[in-house]
Amino acid sequence: MSRAFVLADPAGRYISAGVIQISVTNAAIIGLMVVVFVLALVLPFPGRHRGRSDRDS
């Protein structure tokens, strides 16, 4: 069984924590979105150099 098939299981697997219930697929997508957001904050912007202004060139 492939990993993608397990995440998109039509029967639906759910994570339950009290009154909050979320599907495993949605939890994986939300987790991936958080990782991409954190990477966007941490990684430097392309084409921009630290400590150097446009007038110094």
PDB file of N, CA and C in Angstrom:
ATOM      1  N   MET A   1       0.847  -1.173   0.000  1.00  0.00           N
ATOM      2  CA  MET A   1       0.000   0.000   0.000  1.00  0.00           C
ATOM      3  C   MET A   1       0.899   1.245   0.000  1.00  0.00           C
ATOM      4  N   SER A   2       0.629   2.175  -0.895  1.00  0.00           N
ATOM      5  CA  SER A   2       1.466   3.371  -0.968  1.00  0.00           C
ATOM      6  C   SER A   2       1.087   4.352   0.138  1.00  0.00           C
ATOM      7  N   ARG A   3       2.034   5.224   0.449  1.00  0.00           N
ATOM      8  CA  ARG A   3       1.815   6.195   1.516  1.00  0.00           C
ATOM      9  C   ARG A   3       0.723   7.194   1.126  1.00  0.00           C
ATOM     10  N   ALA A   4       0.674   7.594  -0.141  1.00  0.00           N
ATOM     11  CA  ALA A   4      -0.357   8.539  -0.585  1.00  0.00           C
ATOM     12  C   ALA A   4      -1.745   7.928  -0.449  1.00  0.00           C
ATOM     13  N   PHE A   5      -1.860   6.640  -0.700  1.00  0.00           N
ATOM     14  CA  PHE A   5      -3.166   5.978  -0.571  1.00  0.00           C
ATOM     15  C   PHE A   5      -3.605   5.958   0.892  1.00  0.00           C
ATOM     16  N   VAL A   6      -2.674   5.766   1.807  1.00  0.00           N
ATOM     17  CA  VAL A   6      -3.025   5.730   3.223  1.00  0.00           C
ATOM     18  C   VAL A   6      -3.529   7.095   3.675  1.00  0.00           C
ATOM     19  N   LEU A   7      -2.892   8.193   3.196  1.00  0.00           N
ATOM     20  CA  LEU A   7      -3.328   9.531   3.592  1.00  0.00           C
ATOM     21  C   LEU A   7      -4.687   9.889   2.988  1.00  0.00           C
ATOM     22  N   ALA A   8      -5.001   9.358   1.820  1.00  0.00           N
ATOM     23  CA  ALA A   8      -6.258   9.674   1.159  1.00  0.00           C
ATOM     24  C   ALA A   8      -7.251   8.520   1.259  1.00  0.00           C
ATOM     25  N   ASP A   9      -7.222   7.819   2.341  1.00  0.00           N
ATOM     26  CA  ASP A   9      -8.117   6.687   2.558  1.00  0.00           C
ATOM     27  C   ASP A   9      -9.567   7.156   2.535  1.00  0.00           C
ATOM     28  N   PRO A  10     -10.403   6.575   1.659  1.00  0.00           N
ATOM     29  CA  PRO A  10     -11.782   7.039   1.557  1.00  0.00           C
ATOM     30  C   PRO A  10     -12.606   6.812   2.823  1.00  0.00           C
ATOM     31  N   ALA A  11     -12.246   5.815   3.625  1.00  0.00           N
ATOM     32  CA  ALA A  11     -12.999   5.570   4.850  1.00  0.00           C
ATOM     33  C   ALA A  11     -12.760   6.695   5.849  1.00  0.00           C
ATOM     34  N   GLY A  12     -11.610   7.310   5.797  1.00  0.00           N
ATOM     35  CA  GLY A  12     -11.296   8.449   6.654  1.00  0.00           C
ATOM     36  C   GLY A  12     -10.835   8.036   8.028  1.00  0.00           C
ATOM     37  N   ARG A  13      -9.627   8.418   8.330  1.00  0.00           N
ATOM     38  CA  ARG A  13      -9.091   8.209   9.680  1.00  0.00           C
ATOM     39  C   ARG A  13      -9.078   9.560  10.365  1.00  0.00           C
ATOM     40  N   TYR A  14      -9.440   9.588  11.619  1.00  0.00           N
ATOM     41  CA  TYR A  14      -9.583  10.841  12.331  1.00  0.00           C
ATOM     42  C   TYR A  14      -8.736  10.853  13.590  1.00  0.00           C
ATOM     43  N   ILE A  15      -8.258  12.048  13.920  1.00  0.00           N
ATOM     44  CA  ILE A  15      -7.558  12.293  15.175  1.00  0.00           C
ATOM     45  C   ILE A  15      -8.563  13.001  16.070  1.00  0.00           C
ATOM     46  N   SER A  16      -8.762  12.483  17.256  1.00  0.00           N
ATOM     47  CA  SER A  16      -9.752  13.055  18.147  1.00  0.00           C
ATOM     48  C   SER A  16      -9.087  13.476  19.451  1.00  0.00           C
ATOM     49  N   ALA A  17      -9.325  14.726  19.840  1.00  0.00           N
ATOM     50  CA  ALA A  17      -8.819  15.248  21.104  1.00  0.00           C
ATOM     51  C   ALA A  17      -9.956  16.014  21.775  1.00  0.00           C
ATOM     52  N   GLY A  18     -10.712  15.332  22.559  1.00  0.00           N
ATOM     53  CA  GLY A  18     -11.854  15.957  23.219  1.00  0.00           C
ATOM     54  C   GLY A  18     -12.932  16.298  22.215  1.00  0.00           C
ATOM     55  N   VAL A  19     -13.284  17.587  22.137  1.00  0.00           N
ATOM     56  CA  VAL A  19     -14.327  18.014  21.210  1.00  0.00           C
ATOM     57  C   VAL A  19     -13.777  18.313  19.823  1.00  0.00           C
ATOM     58  N   ILE A  20     -12.461  18.300  19.665  1.00  0.00           N
ATOM     59  CA  ILE A  20     -11.835  18.582  18.365  1.00  0.00           C
ATOM     60  C   ILE A  20     -11.588  17.267  17.639  1.00  0.00           C
ATOM     61  N   GLN A  21     -12.031  17.197  16.404  1.00  0.00           N
ATOM     62  CA  GLN A  21     -11.844  16.016  15.573  1.00  0.00           C
ATOM     63  C   GLN A  21     -11.417  16.483  14.189  1.00  0.00           C
ATOM     64  N   ILE A  22     -10.279  15.949  13.680  1.00  0.00           N
ATOM     65  CA  ILE A  22      -9.748  16.355  12.382  1.00  0.00           C
ATOM     66  C   ILE A  22      -9.254  15.115  11.651  1.00  0.00           C
ATOM     67  N   SER A  23      -9.425  15.104  10.336  1.00  0.00           N
ATOM     68  CA  SER A  23      -8.962  13.952   9.574  1.00  0.00           C
ATOM     69  C   SER A  23      -7.445  13.983   9.466  1.00  0.00           C
ATOM     70  N   VAL A  24      -6.851  12.830   9.282  1.00  0.00           N
ATOM     71  CA  VAL A  24      -5.400  12.717   9.170  1.00  0.00           C
ATOM     72  C   VAL A  24      -4.902  13.485   7.949  1.00  0.00           C
ATOM     73  N   THR A  25      -5.639  13.427   6.854  1.00  0.00           N
ATOM     74  CA  THR A  25      -5.248  14.151   5.639  1.00  0.00           C
ATOM     75  C   THR A  25      -5.218  15.650   5.887  1.00  0.00           C
ATOM     76  N   ASN A  26      -6.250  16.184   6.517  1.00  0.00           N
ATOM     77  CA  ASN A  26      -6.273  17.620   6.815  1.00  0.00           C
ATOM     78  C   ASN A  26      -5.176  18.001   7.796  1.00  0.00           C
ATOM     79  N   ALA A  27      -4.891  17.161   8.772  1.00  0.00           N
ATOM     80  CA  ALA A  27      -3.812  17.443   9.721  1.00  0.00           C
ATOM     81  C   ALA A  27      -2.460  17.475   9.009  1.00  0.00           C
ATOM     82  N   ALA A  28      -2.250  16.572   8.049  1.00  0.00           N
ATOM     83  CA  ALA A  28      -1.000  16.559   7.295  1.00  0.00           C
ATOM     84  C   ALA A  28      -0.863  17.816   6.439  1.00  0.00           C
ATOM     85  N   ILE A  29      -1.946  18.253   5.814  1.00  0.00           N
ATOM     86  CA  ILE A  29      -1.909  19.468   4.995  1.00  0.00           C
ATOM     87  C   ILE A  29      -1.642  20.691   5.858  1.00  0.00           C
ATOM     88  N   ILE A  30      -2.280  20.796   7.003  1.00  0.00           N
ATOM     89  CA  ILE A  30      -2.057  21.916   7.906  1.00  0.00           C
ATOM     90  C   ILE A  30      -0.616  21.914   8.405  1.00  0.00           C
ATOM     91  N   GLY A  31      -0.089  20.736   8.736  1.00  0.00           N
ATOM     92  CA  GLY A  31       1.307  20.634   9.171  1.00  0.00           C
ATOM     93  C   GLY A  31       2.274  21.084   8.091  1.00  0.00           C
ATOM     94  N   LEU A  32       2.018  20.689   6.855  1.00  0.00           N
ATOM     95  CA  LEU A  32       2.864  21.102   5.736  1.00  0.00           C
ATOM     96  C   LEU A  32       2.795  22.620   5.529  1.00  0.00           C
ATOM     97  N   MET A  33       1.621  23.192   5.683  1.00  0.00           N
ATOM     98  CA  MET A  33       1.474  24.643   5.545  1.00  0.00           C
ATOM     99  C   MET A  33       2.254  25.379   6.637  1.00  0.00           C
ATOM    100  N   VAL A  34       2.252  24.856   7.842  1.00  0.00           N
ATOM    101  CA  VAL A  34       3.004  25.478   8.935  1.00  0.00           C
ATOM    102  C   VAL A  34       4.501  25.402   8.657  1.00  0.00           C
ATOM    103  N   VAL A  35       4.970  24.264   8.145  1.00  0.00           N
ATOM    104  CA  VAL A  35       6.396  24.107   7.819  1.00  0.00           C
ATOM    105  C   VAL A  35       6.802  25.099   6.731  1.00  0.00           C
ATOM    106  N   VAL A  36       6.001  25.245   5.694  1.00  0.00           N
ATOM    107  CA  VAL A  36       6.307  26.189   4.618  1.00  0.00           C
ATOM    108  C   VAL A  36       6.306  27.621   5.148  1.00  0.00           C
ATOM    109  N   PHE A  37       5.387  27.958   6.030  1.00  0.00           N
ATOM    110  CA  PHE A  37       5.334  29.292   6.615  1.00  0.00           C
ATOM    111  C   PHE A  37       6.583  29.583   7.437  1.00  0.00           C
ATOM    112  N   VAL A  38       7.002  28.636   8.255  1.00  0.00           N
ATOM    113  CA  VAL A  38       8.206  28.822   9.072  1.00  0.00           C
ATOM    114  C   VAL A  38       9.442  28.960   8.182  1.00  0.00           C
ATOM    115  N   LEU A  39       9.532  28.140   7.136  1.00  0.00           N
ATOM    116  CA  LEU A  39      10.663  28.259   6.211  1.00  0.00           C
ATOM    117  C   LEU A  39      10.673  29.618   5.518  1.00  0.00           C
ATOM    118  N   ALA A  40       9.504  30.152   5.187  1.00  0.00           N
ATOM    119  CA  ALA A  40       9.435  31.465   4.556  1.00  0.00           C
ATOM    120  C   ALA A  40       9.923  32.562   5.504  1.00  0.00           C
ATOM    121  N   LEU A  41       9.733  32.393   6.783  1.00  0.00           N
ATOM    122  CA  LEU A  41      10.223  33.369   7.749  1.00  0.00           C
ATOM    123  C   LEU A  41      11.727  33.258   7.980  1.00  0.00           C
ATOM    124  N   VAL A  42      12.249  32.048   7.935  1.00  0.00           N
ATOM    125  CA  VAL A  42      13.643  31.800   8.299  1.00  0.00           C
ATOM    126  C   VAL A  42      14.605  31.990   7.133  1.00  0.00           C
ATOM    127  N   LEU A  43      14.238  31.513   5.949  1.00  0.00           N
ATOM    128  CA  LEU A  43      15.141  31.573   4.803  1.00  0.00           C
ATOM    129  C   LEU A  43      15.250  33.000   4.269  1.00  0.00           C
ATOM    130  N   PRO A  44      16.449  33.384   3.803  1.00  0.00           N
ATOM    131  CA  PRO A  44      16.606  34.746   3.282  1.00  0.00           C
ATOM    132  C   PRO A  44      15.878  34.932   1.957  1.00  0.00           C
ATOM    133  N   PHE A  45      15.480  36.152   1.705  1.00  0.00           N
ATOM    134  CA  PHE A  45      14.776  36.483   0.465  1.00  0.00           C
ATOM    135  C   PHE A  45      15.770  36.428  -0.696  1.00  0.00           C
ATOM    136  N   PRO A  46      15.432  35.786  -1.817  1.00  0.00           N
ATOM    137  CA  PRO A  46      16.372  35.676  -2.932  1.00  0.00           C
ATOM    138  C   PRO A  46      16.754  37.045  -3.502  1.00  0.00           C
ATOM    139  N   GLY A  47      18.038  37.218  -3.791  1.00  0.00           N
ATOM    140  CA  GLY A  47      18.515  38.442  -4.402  1.00  0.00           C
ATOM    141  C   GLY A  47      18.803  39.561  -3.427  1.00  0.00           C
ATOM    142  N   ARG A  48      18.625  39.316  -2.153  1.00  0.00           N
ATOM    143  CA  ARG A  48      18.871  40.346  -1.158  1.00  0.00           C
ATOM    144  C   ARG A  48      20.063  39.939  -0.307  1.00  0.00           C
ATOM    145  N   HIS A  49      21.003  40.853  -0.110  1.00  0.00           N
ATOM    146  CA  HIS A  49      22.206  40.563   0.659  1.00  0.00           C
ATOM    147  C   HIS A  49      22.178  41.377   1.946  1.00  0.00           C
ATOM    148  N   ARG A  50      22.584  40.767   3.024  1.00  0.00           N
ATOM    149  CA  ARG A  50      22.592  41.447   4.323  1.00  0.00           C
ATOM    150  C   ARG A  50      23.760  42.416   4.401  1.00  0.00           C
ATOM    151  N   GLY A  51      23.514  43.561   5.034  1.00  0.00           N
ATOM    152  CA  GLY A  51      24.571  44.519   5.280  1.00  0.00           C
ATOM    153  C   GLY A  51      25.018  45.291   4.055  1.00  0.00           C
ATOM    154  N   ARG A  52      24.290  45.220   2.989  1.00  0.00           N
ATOM    155  CA  ARG A  52      24.661  45.903   1.758  1.00  0.00           C
ATOM    156  C   ARG A  52      23.448  46.663   1.227  1.00  0.00           C
ATOM    157  N   SER A  53      23.615  47.941   1.003  1.00  0.00           N
ATOM    158  CA  SER A  53      22.501  48.725   0.464  1.00  0.00           C
ATOM    159  C   SER A  53      22.707  48.950  -1.030  1.00  0.00           C
ATOM    160  N   ASP A  54      21.687  49.486  -1.675  1.00  0.00           N
ATOM    161  CA  ASP A  54      21.775  49.728  -3.122  1.00  0.00           C
ATOM    162  C   ASP A  54      22.781  50.833  -3.455  1.00  0.00           C
ATOM    163  N   ARG A  55      23.008  51.769  -2.552  1.00  0.00           N
ATOM    164  CA  ARG A  55      23.923  52.876  -2.808  1.00  0.00           C
ATOM    165  C   ARG A  55      25.392  52.440  -2.740  1.00  0.00           C
ATOM    166  N   ASP A  56      25.708  51.337  -2.088  1.00  0.00           N
ATOM    167  CA  ASP A  56      27.087  50.889  -1.938  1.00  0.00           C
ATOM    168  C   ASP A  56      27.639  50.222  -3.184  1.00  0.00           C
ATOM    169  N   SER A  57      26.833  49.885  -4.150  1.00  0.00           N
ATOM    170  CA  SER A  57      27.304  49.136  -5.309  1.00  0.00           C
ATOM    171  C   SER A  57      27.948  49.959  -6.361  1.00  0.00           C
TER     172      SER A  57
END
